[in-house]
Each structure stands twice: as structure tokens, then as C-alpha cells.
Amino acid sequence: MLIEPIKEELKNSLGMIVSKNDEFQIRYRKAKALSVGPLVTCVTEGKTIYFDLPGSHEVIVNGQRLAVVAEHNIALVES
């Protein structure tokens, strides 16, 4: 599926902004599903998901940074 990663300002439990170095330690990232293939069953287009960052592949489409991810790399689908 083709997804658009969502940039978030990450904060710790004390409300402090997480540094760039600490941000790399966060494995699952938030994204919006843009296009879903016919074999994908757990996600529909437009849904917000959390995906496994190491299991994704970055792609540039019309100058926009997007990512491609397989269904088994989806950790959570927001309702």
C-alpha cells in the first residue's frame, strides 16, 4: 500500500520534545493510507495507521515523499 507519513512533534511523558536522536528509536510511525492494493484486507484508503518503519520503503511521487509498506508491517489501524 502507498502511505503518506504524518509528521508529529514527539513529546515524552514529561511533555518535553523528543530529540532527533531519540526519534530514531521509535519504531512505529503514523501515516495515512493513500492507495491500497486488492490483497490488503485490514486497511481502507484514507485510514490512519501506524506502520513498522524498518519494513517500509521510501518513494517520491510527483515531488512528494511517500512510502510503500506491506500489510504485515501495519501495527495499528485507527477507527
C-alpha atoms as a PDB file:
ATOM      1  CA  MET A   1       0.000   0.000   0.000  1.00  0.00           C
ATOM      2  CA  LEU A   2       1.068   3.588  -0.576  1.00  0.00           C
ATOM      3  CA  ILE A   3       1.121   5.728   2.556  1.00  0.00           C
ATOM      4  CA  GLU A   4       1.825   9.342   3.459  1.00  0.00           C
ATOM      5  CA  PRO A   5       3.829   9.575   6.695  1.00  0.00           C
ATOM      6  CA  ILE A   6       2.435  12.118   9.158  1.00  0.00           C
ATOM      7  CA  LYS A   7       4.985  14.384  10.849  1.00  0.00           C
ATOM      8  CA  GLU A   8       4.355  14.608  14.562  1.00  0.00           C
ATOM      9  CA  GLU A   9       6.057  16.612  17.270  1.00  0.00           C
ATOM     10  CA  LEU A  10       7.005  13.859  19.666  1.00  0.00           C
ATOM     11  CA  LYS A  11       6.952  14.504  23.423  1.00  0.00           C
ATOM     12  CA  ASN A  12       7.952  12.325  26.339  1.00  0.00           C
ATOM     13  CA  SER A  13       5.840  11.691  29.447  1.00  0.00           C
ATOM     14  CA  LEU A  14       7.072  14.972  30.989  1.00  0.00           C
ATOM     15  CA  GLY A  15       5.911  16.961  27.966  1.00  0.00           C
ATOM     16  CA  MET A  16       9.421  17.633  26.690  1.00  0.00           C
ATOM     17  CA  ILE A  17      10.036  17.474  22.933  1.00  0.00           C
ATOM     18  CA  VAL A  18      11.947  14.336  21.928  1.00  0.00           C
ATOM     19  CA  SER A  19      15.299  14.999  20.227  1.00  0.00           C
ATOM     20  CA  LYS A  20      16.079  13.819  16.688  1.00  0.00           C
ATOM     21  CA  ASN A  21      18.418  11.150  18.075  1.00  0.00           C
ATOM     22  CA  ASP A  22      15.677   9.753  20.337  1.00  0.00           C
ATOM     23  CA  GLU A  23      13.163   9.940  17.486  1.00  0.00           C
ATOM     24  CA  PHE A  24      15.126   7.281  15.591  1.00  0.00           C
ATOM     25  CA  GLN A  25      14.484   4.881  18.484  1.00  0.00           C
ATOM     26  CA  ILE A  26      10.723   4.990  17.818  1.00  0.00           C
ATOM     27  CA  ARG A  27       9.959   2.054  15.565  1.00  0.00           C
ATOM     28  CA  TYR A  28       6.295   2.661  14.667  1.00  0.00           C
ATOM     29  CA  ARG A  29       5.239   5.797  12.810  1.00  0.00           C
ATOM     30  CA  LYS A  30       1.889   7.327  11.949  1.00  0.00           C
ATOM     31  CA  ALA A  31       0.675   7.621   8.345  1.00  0.00           C
ATOM     32  CA  LYS A  32      -2.382   7.993   6.141  1.00  0.00           C
ATOM     33  CA  ALA A  33      -3.217   5.189   3.691  1.00  0.00           C
ATOM     34  CA  LEU A  34      -3.397   6.744   0.210  1.00  0.00           C
ATOM     35  CA  SER A  35      -3.721   3.699  -2.029  1.00  0.00           C
ATOM     36  CA  VAL A  36      -4.473   0.121  -1.039  1.00  0.00           C
ATOM     37  CA  GLY A  37      -3.944  -2.932  -3.243  1.00  0.00           C
ATOM     38  CA  PRO A  38      -6.588  -5.614  -3.857  1.00  0.00           C
ATOM     39  CA  LEU A  39      -4.967  -8.134  -1.467  1.00  0.00           C
ATOM     40  CA  VAL A  40      -4.989  -5.768   1.530  1.00  0.00           C
ATOM     41  CA  THR A  41      -7.812  -6.652   3.926  1.00  0.00           C
ATOM     42  CA  CYS A  42      -7.193  -4.718   7.153  1.00  0.00           C
ATOM     43  CA  VAL A  43      -6.879  -1.161   5.814  1.00  0.00           C
ATOM     44  CA  THR A  44      -9.021   1.040   3.578  1.00  0.00           C
ATOM     45  CA  GLU A  45      -7.939   4.212   1.793  1.00  0.00           C
ATOM     46  CA  GLY A  46      -7.960   7.308   3.988  1.00  0.00           C
ATOM     47  CA  LYS A  47      -7.442   5.407   7.265  1.00  0.00           C
ATOM     48  CA  THR A  48      -4.754   6.468   9.727  1.00  0.00           C
ATOM     49  CA  ILE A  49      -2.304   3.697  10.517  1.00  0.00           C
ATOM     50  CA  TYR A  50       0.867   3.017  12.489  1.00  0.00           C
ATOM     51  CA  PHE A  51       3.483   1.137  10.479  1.00  0.00           C
ATOM     52  CA  ASP A  52       6.807  -0.555  11.160  1.00  0.00           C
ATOM     53  CA  LEU A  53       9.381   1.949   9.886  1.00  0.00           C
ATOM     54  CA  PRO A  54      12.107  -0.620   9.029  1.00  0.00           C
ATOM     55  CA  GLY A  55       9.548  -2.513   6.913  1.00  0.00           C
ATOM     56  CA  SER A  56       8.750   0.473   4.703  1.00  0.00           C
ATOM     57  CA  HIS A  57      10.394   1.803   1.559  1.00  0.00           C
ATOM     58  CA  GLU A  58      10.507   5.495   0.692  1.00  0.00           C
ATOM     59  CA  VAL A  59       9.363   6.616  -2.751  1.00  0.00           C
ATOM     60  CA  ILE A  60       8.982  10.070  -4.313  1.00  0.00           C
ATOM     61  CA  VAL A  61       5.795  10.552  -6.344  1.00  0.00           C
ATOM     62  CA  ASN A  62       5.248  13.901  -8.089  1.00  0.00           C
ATOM     63  CA  GLY A  63       7.825  15.510  -5.787  1.00  0.00           C
ATOM     64  CA  GLN A  64       6.116  14.238  -2.624  1.00  0.00           C
ATOM     65  CA  ARG A  65       7.846  11.859  -0.176  1.00  0.00           C
ATOM     66  CA  LEU A  66       5.645   8.828   0.384  1.00  0.00           C
ATOM     67  CA  ALA A  67       6.286   5.260   1.462  1.00  0.00           C
ATOM     68  CA  VAL A  68       5.312   1.782   0.368  1.00  0.00           C
ATOM     69  CA  VAL A  69       4.514  -0.753   3.074  1.00  0.00           C
ATOM     70  CA  ALA A  70       3.162  -4.310   3.103  1.00  0.00           C
ATOM     71  CA  GLU A  71       0.081  -5.185   5.137  1.00  0.00           C
ATOM     72  CA  HIS A  72       2.061  -7.339   7.556  1.00  0.00           C
ATOM     73  CA  ASN A  73       4.033  -4.225   8.589  1.00  0.00           C
ATOM     74  CA  ILE A  74       0.894  -2.467   9.843  1.00  0.00           C
ATOM     75  CA  ALA A  75       0.788  -2.442  13.642  1.00  0.00           C
ATOM     76  CA  LEU A  76      -2.422  -0.457  14.240  1.00  0.00           C
ATOM     77  CA  VAL A  77      -5.371   0.926  12.279  1.00  0.00           C
ATOM     78  CA  GLU A  78      -7.237   3.836  13.894  1.00  0.00           C
ATOM     79  CA  SER A  79     -11.020   3.590  13.710  1.00  0.00           C
END
